[in-house]
Amino acid sequence: MQGLFYAVLSVLISMLFQFSGMELEIVALTASFVLSLWFVLGIQKLVFGKGGGKVSC
């Protein structure tokens, strides 16, 4: 369930970056997705520590 939360959070942050870029007339292509992924991974490291909350199978 945590994975779903972080995936949705990443998509919402990506959309925020994309819309902000459109307002500034910047074509970001994949930059908004990459930046949002970095943000979410940073949040996971803060919450779970060094491992970032990764689940091993």
C-alpha atoms as a PDB file:
ATOM      1  CA  MET A   1       0.000   0.000   0.000  1.00  0.00           C
ATOM      2  CA  GLN A   2       2.921   2.342   0.673  1.00  0.00           C
ATOM      3  CA  GLY A   3       4.169   1.799  -2.867  1.00  0.00           C
ATOM      4  CA  LEU A   4       0.844   2.983  -4.262  1.00  0.00           C
ATOM      5  CA  PHE A   5       0.948   6.098  -2.085  1.00  0.00           C
ATOM      6  CA  TYR A   6       4.450   7.021  -3.260  1.00  0.00           C
ATOM      7  CA  ALA A   7       3.577   6.293  -6.902  1.00  0.00           C
ATOM      8  CA  VAL A   8       0.539   8.596  -6.755  1.00  0.00           C
ATOM      9  CA  LEU A   9       2.584  11.227  -4.919  1.00  0.00           C
ATOM     10  CA  SER A  10       5.240  11.067  -7.641  1.00  0.00           C
ATOM     11  CA  VAL A  11       2.635  11.495 -10.388  1.00  0.00           C
ATOM     12  CA  LEU A  12       1.073  14.497  -8.616  1.00  0.00           C
ATOM     13  CA  ILE A  13       4.467  16.163  -8.122  1.00  0.00           C
ATOM     14  CA  SER A  14       5.321  15.448 -11.760  1.00  0.00           C
ATOM     15  CA  MET A  15       2.079  17.106 -12.876  1.00  0.00           C
ATOM     16  CA  LEU A  16       2.846  20.106 -10.691  1.00  0.00           C
ATOM     17  CA  PHE A  17       6.291  20.458 -12.304  1.00  0.00           C
ATOM     18  CA  GLN A  18       4.796  20.005 -15.778  1.00  0.00           C
ATOM     19  CA  PHE A  19       2.100  22.641 -15.282  1.00  0.00           C
ATOM     20  CA  SER A  20       4.629  25.029 -13.745  1.00  0.00           C
ATOM     21  CA  GLY A  21       6.893  24.534 -16.743  1.00  0.00           C
ATOM     22  CA  MET A  22       4.004  25.168 -19.125  1.00  0.00           C
ATOM     23  CA  GLU A  23       3.253  28.452 -17.352  1.00  0.00           C
ATOM     24  CA  LEU A  24       6.892  29.465 -17.820  1.00  0.00           C
ATOM     25  CA  GLU A  25       6.776  28.239 -21.444  1.00  0.00           C
ATOM     26  CA  ILE A  26       9.355  25.530 -20.786  1.00  0.00           C
ATOM     27  CA  VAL A  27       9.081  22.178 -22.529  1.00  0.00           C
ATOM     28  CA  ALA A  28      10.346  19.756 -19.893  1.00  0.00           C
ATOM     29  CA  LEU A  29       9.758  16.382 -21.614  1.00  0.00           C
ATOM     30  CA  THR A  30      10.836  13.848 -18.967  1.00  0.00           C
ATOM     31  CA  ALA A  31      12.439  16.287 -16.508  1.00  0.00           C
ATOM     32  CA  SER A  32       9.264  16.645 -14.455  1.00  0.00           C
ATOM     33  CA  PHE A  33       9.064  12.869 -13.957  1.00  0.00           C
ATOM     34  CA  VAL A  34      12.740  12.573 -13.031  1.00  0.00           C
ATOM     35  CA  LEU A  35      12.555  15.455 -10.541  1.00  0.00           C
ATOM     36  CA  SER A  36       9.413  14.070  -8.922  1.00  0.00           C
ATOM     37  CA  LEU A  37      11.046  10.655  -8.601  1.00  0.00           C
ATOM     38  CA  TRP A  38      14.067  12.228  -6.883  1.00  0.00           C
ATOM     39  CA  PHE A  39      11.745  14.086  -4.498  1.00  0.00           C
ATOM     40  CA  VAL A  40       9.855  10.919  -3.587  1.00  0.00           C
ATOM     41  CA  LEU A  41      13.066   8.927  -3.107  1.00  0.00           C
ATOM     42  CA  GLY A  42      14.365  11.713  -0.862  1.00  0.00           C
ATOM     43  CA  ILE A  43      11.161  11.634   1.170  1.00  0.00           C
ATOM     44  CA  GLN A  44      11.468   7.854   1.522  1.00  0.00           C
ATOM     45  CA  LYS A  45      15.056   8.204   2.771  1.00  0.00           C
ATOM     46  CA  LEU A  46      13.936  10.750   5.346  1.00  0.00           C
ATOM     47  CA  VAL A  47      11.066   8.565   6.517  1.00  0.00           C
ATOM     48  CA  PHE A  48      12.712   5.119   6.431  1.00  0.00           C
ATOM     49  CA  GLY A  49      16.406   5.915   6.802  1.00  0.00           C
ATOM     50  CA  LYS A  50      19.275   4.808   4.600  1.00  0.00           C
ATOM     51  CA  GLY A  51      17.450   1.947   2.861  1.00  0.00           C
ATOM     52  CA  GLY A  52      14.678   4.216   1.602  1.00  0.00           C
ATOM     53  CA  GLY A  53      11.940   1.749   2.549  1.00  0.00           C
ATOM     54  CA  LYS A  54      12.798  -0.713  -0.206  1.00  0.00           C
ATOM     55  CA  VAL A  55      11.123  -4.059   0.137  1.00  0.00           C
ATOM     56  CA  SER A  56      13.103  -7.153  -0.823  1.00  0.00           C
ATOM     57  CA  CYS A  57      11.352 -10.231  -2.215  1.00  0.00           C
END
